[in-house]
């Protein structure tokens, strides 16, 4: 009867994950209704949008790309960053320059890691949390983490099923019947995922429901301004295009970069040394 213990464990995983998702969805819905009725006015900066969309690492990427676009930092496709102008325009840029080092050149990966852990980004996150736009660090109550937990439970149930079938059993219960018993918690977790796919907003792990609402507004405004620039036949002025480019980077990440060499700079991996 050892398979019964595994079945109870599968039900425990499925039940806990589903309950966590329901509670997170309920809190998110309450916060969204409160945000809809409250007059919350907060124009997100690019750094704030980057943090809410992708966390500290996204903010570091945005700072380096903006410096690169302004010819103050050279990002090579080989994965190296070189300081061209050592004067940062804000605290984040100054930290990037400091992280690169006195030689003015460093690999991009350690600079990103150091910048993501900087005091500047920590203070940015604290401000967003205080404003109710970011999920408190370590709270574990956001919808995105709850959905990941349900996915983990969905993977755990088949593993427990396989374990139960492989272990020797002293019962005469048919093989198919054991599978059917384990099928029930699997259907439960799959049902939660389907409901989450069609009914829940695609939250990020960093933005609260109110913060997600501001991100949606920012994205809609970016798309609308992009359509207007396309309609004028000239593509708009350079500043408008640059602002749209950085907004896309803040909300979508490195995949929004159109330049192959710039994407290669961030995606480059060190190759093993060969003589």
C-alpha atoms as a PDB file:
ATOM      1  CA  UNK A   1       0.000   0.000   0.000  1.00  0.00           C
ATOM      2  CA  UNK A   2       2.998   2.316  -0.337  1.00  0.00           C
ATOM      3  CA  UNK A   3       1.431   3.734  -3.499  1.00  0.00           C
ATOM      4  CA  UNK A   4      -1.367   5.184  -1.371  1.00  0.00           C
ATOM      5  CA  UNK A   5       1.162   7.379   0.455  1.00  0.00           C
ATOM      6  CA  UNK A   6       2.478   8.584  -2.893  1.00  0.00           C
ATOM      7  CA  UNK A   7      -1.083   9.287  -4.010  1.00  0.00           C
ATOM      8  CA  UNK A   8      -1.710  11.344  -0.883  1.00  0.00           C
ATOM      9  CA  UNK A   9       1.518  13.231  -1.568  1.00  0.00           C
ATOM     10  CA  UNK A  10       0.370  13.943  -5.125  1.00  0.00           C
ATOM     11  CA  UNK A  11      -2.962  15.243  -3.813  1.00  0.00           C
ATOM     12  CA  UNK A  12      -1.094  17.339  -1.268  1.00  0.00           C
ATOM     13  CA  UNK A  13       1.063  18.954  -3.963  1.00  0.00           C
ATOM     14  CA  UNK A  14      -1.934  19.596  -6.203  1.00  0.00           C
ATOM     15  CA  UNK A  15      -4.107  20.933  -3.404  1.00  0.00           C
ATOM     16  CA  UNK A  16      -1.442  23.226  -1.974  1.00  0.00           C
ATOM     17  CA  UNK A  17      -0.520  24.651  -5.380  1.00  0.00           C
ATOM     18  CA  UNK A  18      -4.140  25.165  -6.351  1.00  0.00           C
ATOM     19  CA  UNK A  19      -4.990  26.850  -3.057  1.00  0.00           C
ATOM     20  CA  UNK A  20      -1.959  29.114  -3.399  1.00  0.00           C
ATOM     21  CA  UNK A  21      -3.055  30.104  -6.906  1.00  0.00           C
ATOM     22  CA  UNK A  22      -6.630  30.824  -5.810  1.00  0.00           C
ATOM     23  CA  UNK A  23      -5.459  32.999  -2.914  1.00  0.00           C
ATOM     24  CA  UNK A  24      -2.995  34.897  -5.100  1.00  0.00           C
ATOM     25  CA  UNK A  25      -5.636  35.420  -7.788  1.00  0.00           C
ATOM     26  CA  UNK A  26      -8.098  36.676  -5.175  1.00  0.00           C
ATOM     27  CA  UNK A  27      -5.592  39.176  -3.786  1.00  0.00           C
ATOM     28  CA  UNK A  28      -4.682  40.281  -7.303  1.00  0.00           C
ATOM     29  CA  UNK A  29      -8.339  40.809  -8.187  1.00  0.00           C
ATOM     30  CA  UNK A  30      -8.930  42.866  -5.059  1.00  0.00           C
ATOM     31  CA  UNK A  31      -5.891  45.017  -5.768  1.00  0.00           C
ATOM     32  CA  UNK A  32      -6.962  45.517  -9.387  1.00  0.00           C
ATOM     33  CA  UNK A  33     -10.453  46.622  -8.373  1.00  0.00           C
ATOM     34  CA  UNK A  34      -8.943  49.017  -5.850  1.00  0.00           C
ATOM     35  CA  UNK A  35      -6.590  50.392  -8.501  1.00  0.00           C
ATOM     36  CA  UNK A  36      -9.472  50.801 -10.953  1.00  0.00           C
ATOM     37  CA  UNK A  37     -11.487  52.896  -8.504  1.00  0.00           C
ATOM     38  CA  UNK A  38      -8.585  54.858  -7.032  1.00  0.00           C
ATOM     39  CA  UNK A  39      -7.057  57.838  -8.784  1.00  0.00           C
ATOM     40  CA  UNK A  40      -3.537  56.424  -8.940  1.00  0.00           C
ATOM     41  CA  UNK A  41      -1.310  58.669 -11.023  1.00  0.00           C
ATOM     42  CA  UNK A  42       2.255  57.590 -11.509  1.00  0.00           C
ATOM     43  CA  UNK A  43       4.129  58.016 -14.767  1.00  0.00           C
ATOM     44  CA  UNK A  44       6.672  55.229 -14.869  1.00  0.00           C
ATOM     45  CA  UNK A  45      10.241  56.108 -15.682  1.00  0.00           C
ATOM     46  CA  UNK A  46      12.188  53.771 -17.954  1.00  0.00           C
ATOM     47  CA  UNK A  47      14.098  52.337 -14.993  1.00  0.00           C
ATOM     48  CA  UNK A  48      10.846  51.713 -13.119  1.00  0.00           C
ATOM     49  CA  UNK A  49       9.271  50.029 -16.135  1.00  0.00           C
ATOM     50  CA  UNK A  50      12.369  47.866 -16.552  1.00  0.00           C
ATOM     51  CA  UNK A  51      12.281  46.818 -12.898  1.00  0.00           C
ATOM     52  CA  UNK A  52       8.586  45.950 -12.961  1.00  0.00           C
ATOM     53  CA  UNK A  53       8.963  44.009 -16.215  1.00  0.00           C
ATOM     54  CA  UNK A  54      12.188  42.115 -15.628  1.00  0.00           C
ATOM     55  CA  UNK A  55      13.645  42.950 -12.236  1.00  0.00           C
ATOM     56  CA  UNK A  56      17.112  44.290 -11.337  1.00  0.00           C
ATOM     57  CA  UNK A  57      18.899  42.607 -14.264  1.00  0.00           C
ATOM     58  CA  UNK A  58      16.607  44.383 -16.747  1.00  0.00           C
ATOM     59  CA  UNK A  59      17.460  47.744 -15.181  1.00  0.00           C
ATOM     60  CA  UNK A  60      21.181  47.024 -15.604  1.00  0.00           C
ATOM     61  CA  UNK A  61      20.625  46.052 -19.251  1.00  0.00           C
ATOM     62  CA  UNK A  62      18.696  49.263 -19.877  1.00  0.00           C
ATOM     63  CA  UNK A  63      21.414  51.443 -18.337  1.00  0.00           C
ATOM     64  CA  UNK A  64      24.158  49.854 -20.428  1.00  0.00           C
ATOM     65  CA  UNK A  65      22.191  49.943 -23.685  1.00  0.00           C
ATOM     66  CA  UNK A  66      21.242  53.579 -23.172  1.00  0.00           C
ATOM     67  CA  UNK A  67      24.883  54.464 -22.584  1.00  0.00           C
ATOM     68  CA  UNK A  68      25.796  52.496 -25.693  1.00  0.00           C
ATOM     69  CA  UNK A  69      23.202  54.312 -27.829  1.00  0.00           C
ATOM     70  CA  UNK A  70      24.630  57.634 -26.646  1.00  0.00           C
ATOM     71  CA  UNK A  71      28.175  56.565 -27.550  1.00  0.00           C
ATOM     72  CA  UNK A  72      29.325  56.666 -23.924  1.00  0.00           C
ATOM     73  CA  UNK A  73      29.820  52.898 -23.650  1.00  0.00           C
ATOM     74  CA  UNK A  74      30.968  50.441 -26.285  1.00  0.00           C
ATOM     75  CA  UNK A  75      29.314  47.015 -26.141  1.00  0.00           C
ATOM     76  CA  UNK A  76      31.195  44.594 -28.368  1.00  0.00           C
ATOM     77  CA  UNK A  77      29.613  41.475 -29.828  1.00  0.00           C
ATOM     78  CA  UNK A  78      32.383  39.498 -28.109  1.00  0.00           C
ATOM     79  CA  UNK A  79      30.793  40.268 -24.745  1.00  0.00           C
ATOM     80  CA  UNK A  80      33.066  43.105 -23.600  1.00  0.00           C
ATOM     81  CA  UNK A  81      32.082  46.580 -22.379  1.00  0.00           C
ATOM     82  CA  UNK A  82      34.448  49.533 -22.853  1.00  0.00           C
ATOM     83  CA  UNK A  83      33.940  52.960 -21.285  1.00  0.00           C
ATOM     84  CA  UNK A  84      34.111  55.774 -23.841  1.00  0.00           C
ATOM     85  CA  UNK A  85      32.911  58.623 -21.603  1.00  0.00           C
ATOM     86  CA  UNK A  86      33.432  58.033 -17.859  1.00  0.00           C
ATOM     87  CA  UNK A  87      30.734  60.523 -16.817  1.00  0.00           C
ATOM     88  CA  UNK A  88      27.461  58.868 -15.832  1.00  0.00           C
ATOM     89  CA  UNK A  89      24.225  60.806 -16.151  1.00  0.00           C
ATOM     90  CA  UNK A  90      22.590  59.166 -13.134  1.00  0.00           C
ATOM     91  CA  UNK A  91      23.373  56.925 -10.177  1.00  0.00           C
ATOM     92  CA  UNK A  92      22.799  53.745 -12.158  1.00  0.00           C
ATOM     93  CA  UNK A  93      25.153  54.721 -14.955  1.00  0.00           C
ATOM     94  CA  UNK A  94      27.820  55.795 -12.484  1.00  0.00           C
ATOM     95  CA  UNK A  95      27.620  52.405 -10.810  1.00  0.00           C
ATOM     96  CA  UNK A  96      27.984  50.672 -14.198  1.00  0.00           C
ATOM     97  CA  UNK A  97      31.152  52.675 -14.870  1.00  0.00           C
ATOM     98  CA  UNK A  98      32.479  51.808 -11.403  1.00  0.00           C
ATOM     99  CA  UNK A  99      31.679  48.113 -11.921  1.00  0.00           C
ATOM    100  CA  UNK A 100      33.618  48.066 -15.186  1.00  0.00           C
ATOM    101  CA  UNK A 101      36.708  49.075 -13.242  1.00  0.00           C
ATOM    102  CA  UNK A 102      39.605  51.527 -13.487  1.00  0.00           C
ATOM    103  CA  UNK A 103      40.876  49.933 -16.702  1.00  0.00           C
ATOM    104  CA  UNK A 104      37.701  51.041 -18.464  1.00  0.00           C
ATOM    105  CA  UNK A 105      37.028  47.582 -19.869  1.00  0.00           C
ATOM    106  CA  UNK A 106      35.320  44.466 -18.544  1.00  0.00           C
ATOM    107  CA  UNK A 107      33.173  41.564 -19.597  1.00  0.00           C
ATOM    108  CA  UNK A 108      29.459  42.437 -19.682  1.00  0.00           C
ATOM    109  CA  UNK A 109      28.206  39.511 -17.586  1.00  0.00           C
ATOM    110  CA  UNK A 110      29.934  40.452 -14.281  1.00  0.00           C
ATOM    111  CA  UNK A 111      28.998  44.107 -14.800  1.00  0.00           C
ATOM    112  CA  UNK A 112      25.334  43.136 -15.174  1.00  0.00           C
ATOM    113  CA  UNK A 113      25.507  40.994 -12.048  1.00  0.00           C
ATOM    114  CA  UNK A 114      27.154  43.708  -9.969  1.00  0.00           C
ATOM    115  CA  UNK A 115      24.826  46.426 -11.229  1.00  0.00           C
ATOM    116  CA  UNK A 116      21.744  44.286 -10.516  1.00  0.00           C
ATOM    117  CA  UNK A 117      22.857  44.072  -6.859  1.00  0.00           C
ATOM    118  CA  UNK A 118      23.679  47.757  -6.509  1.00  0.00           C
ATOM    119  CA  UNK A 119      22.232  50.121  -3.947  1.00  0.00           C
ATOM    120  CA  UNK A 120      20.709  52.194  -6.747  1.00  0.00           C
ATOM    121  CA  UNK A 121      18.488  49.326  -7.905  1.00  0.00           C
ATOM    122  CA  UNK A 122      17.724  48.284  -4.328  1.00  0.00           C
ATOM    123  CA  UNK A 123      16.478  51.791  -3.582  1.00  0.00           C
ATOM    124  CA  UNK A 124      14.476  51.758  -6.811  1.00  0.00           C
ATOM    125  CA  UNK A 125      12.783  48.526  -5.772  1.00  0.00           C
ATOM    126  CA  UNK A 126      12.056  49.917  -2.300  1.00  0.00           C
ATOM    127  CA  UNK A 127      10.386  52.992  -3.787  1.00  0.00           C
ATOM    128  CA  UNK A 128       8.227  50.884  -6.087  1.00  0.00           C
ATOM    129  CA  UNK A 129       7.234  48.590  -3.215  1.00  0.00           C
ATOM    130  CA  UNK A 130       6.336  51.590  -1.058  1.00  0.00           C
ATOM    131  CA  UNK A 131       4.186  52.943  -3.894  1.00  0.00           C
ATOM    132  CA  UNK A 132       2.425  49.586  -4.197  1.00  0.00           C
ATOM    133  CA  UNK A 133       3.707  48.994  -7.730  1.00  0.00           C
ATOM    134  CA  UNK A 134       6.168  46.167  -7.016  1.00  0.00           C
ATOM    135  CA  UNK A 135       5.725  42.836  -5.278  1.00  0.00           C
ATOM    136  CA  UNK A 136       7.521  42.866  -1.895  1.00  0.00           C
ATOM    137  CA  UNK A 137      10.762  40.900  -2.062  1.00  0.00           C
ATOM    138  CA  UNK A 138      10.402  37.388  -0.709  1.00  0.00           C
ATOM    139  CA  UNK A 139       6.651  37.667  -0.224  1.00  0.00           C
ATOM    140  CA  UNK A 140       5.939  34.689  -2.466  1.00  0.00           C
ATOM    141  CA  UNK A 141       2.299  35.767  -2.838  1.00  0.00           C
ATOM    142  CA  UNK A 142       2.263  36.940  -6.438  1.00  0.00           C
ATOM    143  CA  UNK A 143       0.295  35.245  -9.183  1.00  0.00           C
ATOM    144  CA  UNK A 144       3.365  34.450 -11.280  1.00  0.00           C
ATOM    145  CA  UNK A 145       5.034  32.446  -8.495  1.00  0.00           C
ATOM    146  CA  UNK A 146       1.750  30.653  -7.770  1.00  0.00           C
ATOM    147  CA  UNK A 147       1.453  29.596 -11.410  1.00  0.00           C
ATOM    148  CA  UNK A 148       5.031  28.319 -11.339  1.00  0.00           C
ATOM    149  CA  UNK A 149       4.137  26.278  -8.262  1.00  0.00           C
ATOM    150  CA  UNK A 150       1.147  24.731 -10.067  1.00  0.00           C
ATOM    151  CA  UNK A 151       3.409  23.848 -12.993  1.00  0.00           C
ATOM    152  CA  UNK A 152       5.843  22.194 -10.598  1.00  0.00           C
ATOM    153  CA  UNK A 153       2.994  20.187  -9.074  1.00  0.00           C
ATOM    154  CA  UNK A 154       1.880  19.164 -12.558  1.00  0.00           C
ATOM    155  CA  UNK A 155       5.344  17.725 -13.176  1.00  0.00           C
ATOM    156  CA  UNK A 156       5.531  16.127  -9.733  1.00  0.00           C
ATOM    157  CA  UNK A 157       2.344  14.076 -10.134  1.00  0.00           C
ATOM    158  CA  UNK A 158       3.602  12.001 -13.117  1.00  0.00           C
ATOM    159  CA  UNK A 159       6.894  11.412 -11.299  1.00  0.00           C
ATOM    160  CA  UNK A 160       5.043  10.136  -8.251  1.00  0.00           C
ATOM    161  CA  UNK A 161       2.885   7.979 -10.518  1.00  0.00           C
ATOM    162  CA  UNK A 162       5.927   6.417 -12.146  1.00  0.00           C
ATOM    163  CA  UNK A 163       7.467   5.794  -8.726  1.00  0.00           C
ATOM    164  CA  UNK A 164       4.303   4.104  -7.490  1.00  0.00           C
ATOM    165  CA  UNK A 165       4.161   1.846 -10.547  1.00  0.00           C
ATOM    166  CA  UNK A 166       7.823   0.858 -10.350  1.00  0.00           C
ATOM    167  CA  UNK A 167       7.807  -0.009  -6.663  1.00  0.00           C
ATOM    168  CA  UNK A 168       6.821  -3.567  -5.698  1.00  0.00           C
ATOM    169  CA  UNK A 169       3.229  -3.821  -4.443  1.00  0.00           C
ATOM    170  CA  UNK A 170       1.545  -6.364  -2.222  1.00  0.00           C
ATOM    171  CA  UNK A 171      -1.936  -5.551  -3.517  1.00  0.00           C
ATOM    172  CA  UNK A 172      -3.848  -6.998  -6.435  1.00  0.00           C
ATOM    173  CA  UNK A 173      -5.020  -3.569  -7.604  1.00  0.00           C
ATOM    174  CA  UNK A 174      -4.849  -3.421 -11.421  1.00  0.00           C
ATOM    175  CA  UNK A 175      -2.190  -1.287 -13.074  1.00  0.00           C
ATOM    176  CA  UNK A 176      -4.842   0.785 -14.857  1.00  0.00           C
ATOM    177  CA  UNK A 177      -6.683   1.520 -11.617  1.00  0.00           C
ATOM    178  CA  UNK A 178      -3.524   2.939 -10.003  1.00  0.00           C
ATOM    179  CA  UNK A 179      -3.024   5.181 -13.014  1.00  0.00           C
ATOM    180  CA  UNK A 180      -6.609   6.396 -12.802  1.00  0.00           C
ATOM    181  CA  UNK A 181      -6.210   7.319  -9.130  1.00  0.00           C
ATOM    182  CA  UNK A 182      -3.123   9.423  -9.942  1.00  0.00           C
ATOM    183  CA  UNK A 183      -4.886  10.902 -12.961  1.00  0.00           C
ATOM    184  CA  UNK A 184      -7.266  12.836 -10.702  1.00  0.00           C
ATOM    185  CA  UNK A 185      -4.682  15.185  -9.080  1.00  0.00           C
ATOM    186  CA  UNK A 186      -3.038  15.601 -12.490  1.00  0.00           C
ATOM    187  CA  UNK A 187      -6.334  16.723 -14.011  1.00  0.00           C
ATOM    188  CA  UNK A 188      -6.762  19.113 -11.089  1.00  0.00           C
ATOM    189  CA  UNK A 189      -3.431  20.859 -11.698  1.00  0.00           C
ATOM    190  CA  UNK A 190      -3.974  20.922 -15.462  1.00  0.00           C
ATOM    191  CA  UNK A 191      -7.383  22.474 -14.867  1.00  0.00           C
ATOM    192  CA  UNK A 192      -5.826  25.210 -12.751  1.00  0.00           C
ATOM    193  CA  UNK A 193      -3.308  25.938 -15.514  1.00  0.00           C
ATOM    194  CA  UNK A 194      -6.038  26.162 -18.148  1.00  0.00           C
ATOM    195  CA  UNK A 195      -8.084  28.532 -15.991  1.00  0.00           C
ATOM    196  CA  UNK A 196      -4.997  30.644 -15.279  1.00  0.00           C
ATOM    197  CA  UNK A 197      -4.183  30.758 -18.995  1.00  0.00           C
ATOM    198  CA  UNK A 198      -7.556  32.210 -19.995  1.00  0.00           C
ATOM    199  CA  UNK A 199      -8.787  34.000 -16.879  1.00  0.00           C
ATOM    200  CA  UNK A 200      -5.747  35.475 -15.143  1.00  0.00           C
ATOM    201  CA  UNK A 201      -3.714  38.446 -16.285  1.00  0.00           C
ATOM    202  CA  UNK A 202      -0.150  37.552 -17.343  1.00  0.00           C
ATOM    203  CA  UNK A 203       1.559  39.140 -14.331  1.00  0.00           C
ATOM    204  CA  UNK A 204       5.317  39.424 -14.026  1.00  0.00           C
ATOM    205  CA  UNK A 205       7.095  38.205 -10.894  1.00  0.00           C
ATOM    206  CA  UNK A 206       8.076  41.782 -10.041  1.00  0.00           C
ATOM    207  CA  UNK A 207       4.991  43.929 -10.668  1.00  0.00           C
ATOM    208  CA  UNK A 208       1.991  44.085  -8.371  1.00  0.00           C
ATOM    209  CA  UNK A 209      -1.456  44.237 -10.022  1.00  0.00           C
ATOM    210  CA  UNK A 210      -1.327  48.031  -9.779  1.00  0.00           C
ATOM    211  CA  UNK A 211       2.174  48.051 -11.259  1.00  0.00           C
ATOM    212  CA  UNK A 212       1.050  45.729 -14.046  1.00  0.00           C
ATOM    213  CA  UNK A 213      -1.763  48.140 -14.828  1.00  0.00           C
ATOM    214  CA  UNK A 214       0.761  50.964 -15.216  1.00  0.00           C
ATOM    215  CA  UNK A 215       2.922  48.743 -17.441  1.00  0.00           C
ATOM    216  CA  UNK A 216      -0.079  48.027 -19.655  1.00  0.00           C
ATOM    217  CA  UNK A 217      -0.738  51.749 -19.958  1.00  0.00           C
ATOM    218  CA  UNK A 218       2.886  52.406 -20.856  1.00  0.00           C
ATOM    219  CA  UNK A 219       2.889  49.625 -23.468  1.00  0.00           C
ATOM    220  CA  UNK A 220      -0.360  50.863 -25.016  1.00  0.00           C
ATOM    221  CA  UNK A 221       1.020  54.397 -25.231  1.00  0.00           C
ATOM    222  CA  UNK A 222       4.228  53.113 -26.824  1.00  0.00           C
ATOM    223  CA  UNK A 223       2.271  51.164 -29.440  1.00  0.00           C
ATOM    224  CA  UNK A 224       0.011  54.129 -30.163  1.00  0.00           C
ATOM    225  CA  UNK A 225       2.941  56.504 -30.593  1.00  0.00           C
ATOM    226  CA  UNK A 226       4.665  53.937 -32.799  1.00  0.00           C
ATOM    227  CA  UNK A 227       1.606  53.758 -35.058  1.00  0.00           C
ATOM    228  CA  UNK A 228       1.475  57.550 -35.267  1.00  0.00           C
ATOM    229  CA  UNK A 229       5.134  57.722 -36.291  1.00  0.00           C
ATOM    230  CA  UNK A 230       4.535  55.100 -38.951  1.00  0.00           C
ATOM    231  CA  UNK A 231       1.497  56.982 -40.299  1.00  0.00           C
ATOM    232  CA  UNK A 232       3.373  60.245 -40.843  1.00  0.00           C
ATOM    233  CA  UNK A 233       5.546  58.617 -43.496  1.00  0.00           C
ATOM    234  CA  UNK A 234       8.816  59.733 -41.960  1.00  0.00           C
ATOM    235  CA  UNK A 235       9.137  57.580 -38.835  1.00  0.00           C
ATOM    236  CA  UNK A 236       9.071  60.528 -36.423  1.00  0.00           C
ATOM    237  CA  UNK A 237      12.032  62.368 -34.935  1.00  0.00           C
ATOM    238  CA  UNK A 238      15.088  60.683 -33.579  1.00  0.00           C
ATOM    239  CA  UNK A 239      14.225  61.362 -29.950  1.00  0.00           C
ATOM    240  CA  UNK A 240      10.798  59.806 -30.328  1.00  0.00           C
ATOM    241  CA  UNK A 241      12.251  56.727 -31.983  1.00  0.00           C
ATOM    242  CA  UNK A 242      14.948  56.438 -29.333  1.00  0.00           C
ATOM    243  CA  UNK A 243      12.381  56.728 -26.557  1.00  0.00           C
ATOM    244  CA  UNK A 244      10.266  54.012 -28.154  1.00  0.00           C
ATOM    245  CA  UNK A 245      13.315  51.779 -28.542  1.00  0.00           C
ATOM    246  CA  UNK A 246      14.279  52.125 -24.880  1.00  0.00           C
ATOM    247  CA  UNK A 247      10.683  51.602 -23.762  1.00  0.00           C
ATOM    248  CA  UNK A 248      10.554  48.362 -25.763  1.00  0.00           C
ATOM    249  CA  UNK A 249      13.820  47.282 -24.176  1.00  0.00           C
ATOM    250  CA  UNK A 250      12.511  48.104 -20.685  1.00  0.00           C
ATOM    251  CA  UNK A 251       9.272  46.157 -21.130  1.00  0.00           C
ATOM    252  CA  UNK A 252      10.420  43.277 -23.352  1.00  0.00           C
ATOM    253  CA  UNK A 253      14.096  42.825 -22.550  1.00  0.00           C
ATOM    254  CA  UNK A 254      17.074  41.979 -24.748  1.00  0.00           C
ATOM    255  CA  UNK A 255      14.869  40.232 -27.318  1.00  0.00           C
ATOM    256  CA  UNK A 256      13.559  43.699 -28.270  1.00  0.00           C
ATOM    257  CA  UNK A 257      17.003  44.715 -29.569  1.00  0.00           C
ATOM    258  CA  UNK A 258      16.992  44.938 -33.346  1.00  0.00           C
ATOM    259  CA  UNK A 259      20.787  45.089 -33.759  1.00  0.00           C
ATOM    260  CA  UNK A 260      22.263  41.548 -33.989  1.00  0.00           C
ATOM    261  CA  UNK A 261      25.655  42.692 -32.655  1.00  0.00           C
ATOM    262  CA  UNK A 262      24.067  44.313 -29.605  1.00  0.00           C
ATOM    263  CA  UNK A 263      22.044  41.181 -28.852  1.00  0.00           C
ATOM    264  CA  UNK A 264      25.196  39.098 -29.288  1.00  0.00           C
ATOM    265  CA  UNK A 265      27.000  41.305 -26.749  1.00  0.00           C
ATOM    266  CA  UNK A 266      24.515  40.330 -24.019  1.00  0.00           C
ATOM    267  CA  UNK A 267      24.052  36.728 -25.115  1.00  0.00           C
ATOM    268  CA  UNK A 268      27.741  35.973 -25.553  1.00  0.00           C
ATOM    269  CA  UNK A 269      29.125  33.100 -23.524  1.00  0.00           C
ATOM    270  CA  UNK A 270      32.789  32.532 -22.803  1.00  0.00           C
ATOM    271  CA  UNK A 271      34.220  29.720 -24.885  1.00  0.00           C
ATOM    272  CA  UNK A 272      36.577  27.171 -23.322  1.00  0.00           C
ATOM    273  CA  UNK A 273      40.232  27.857 -24.007  1.00  0.00           C
ATOM    274  CA  UNK A 274      41.750  25.721 -26.738  1.00  0.00           C
ATOM    275  CA  UNK A 275      45.366  25.619 -27.704  1.00  0.00           C
END
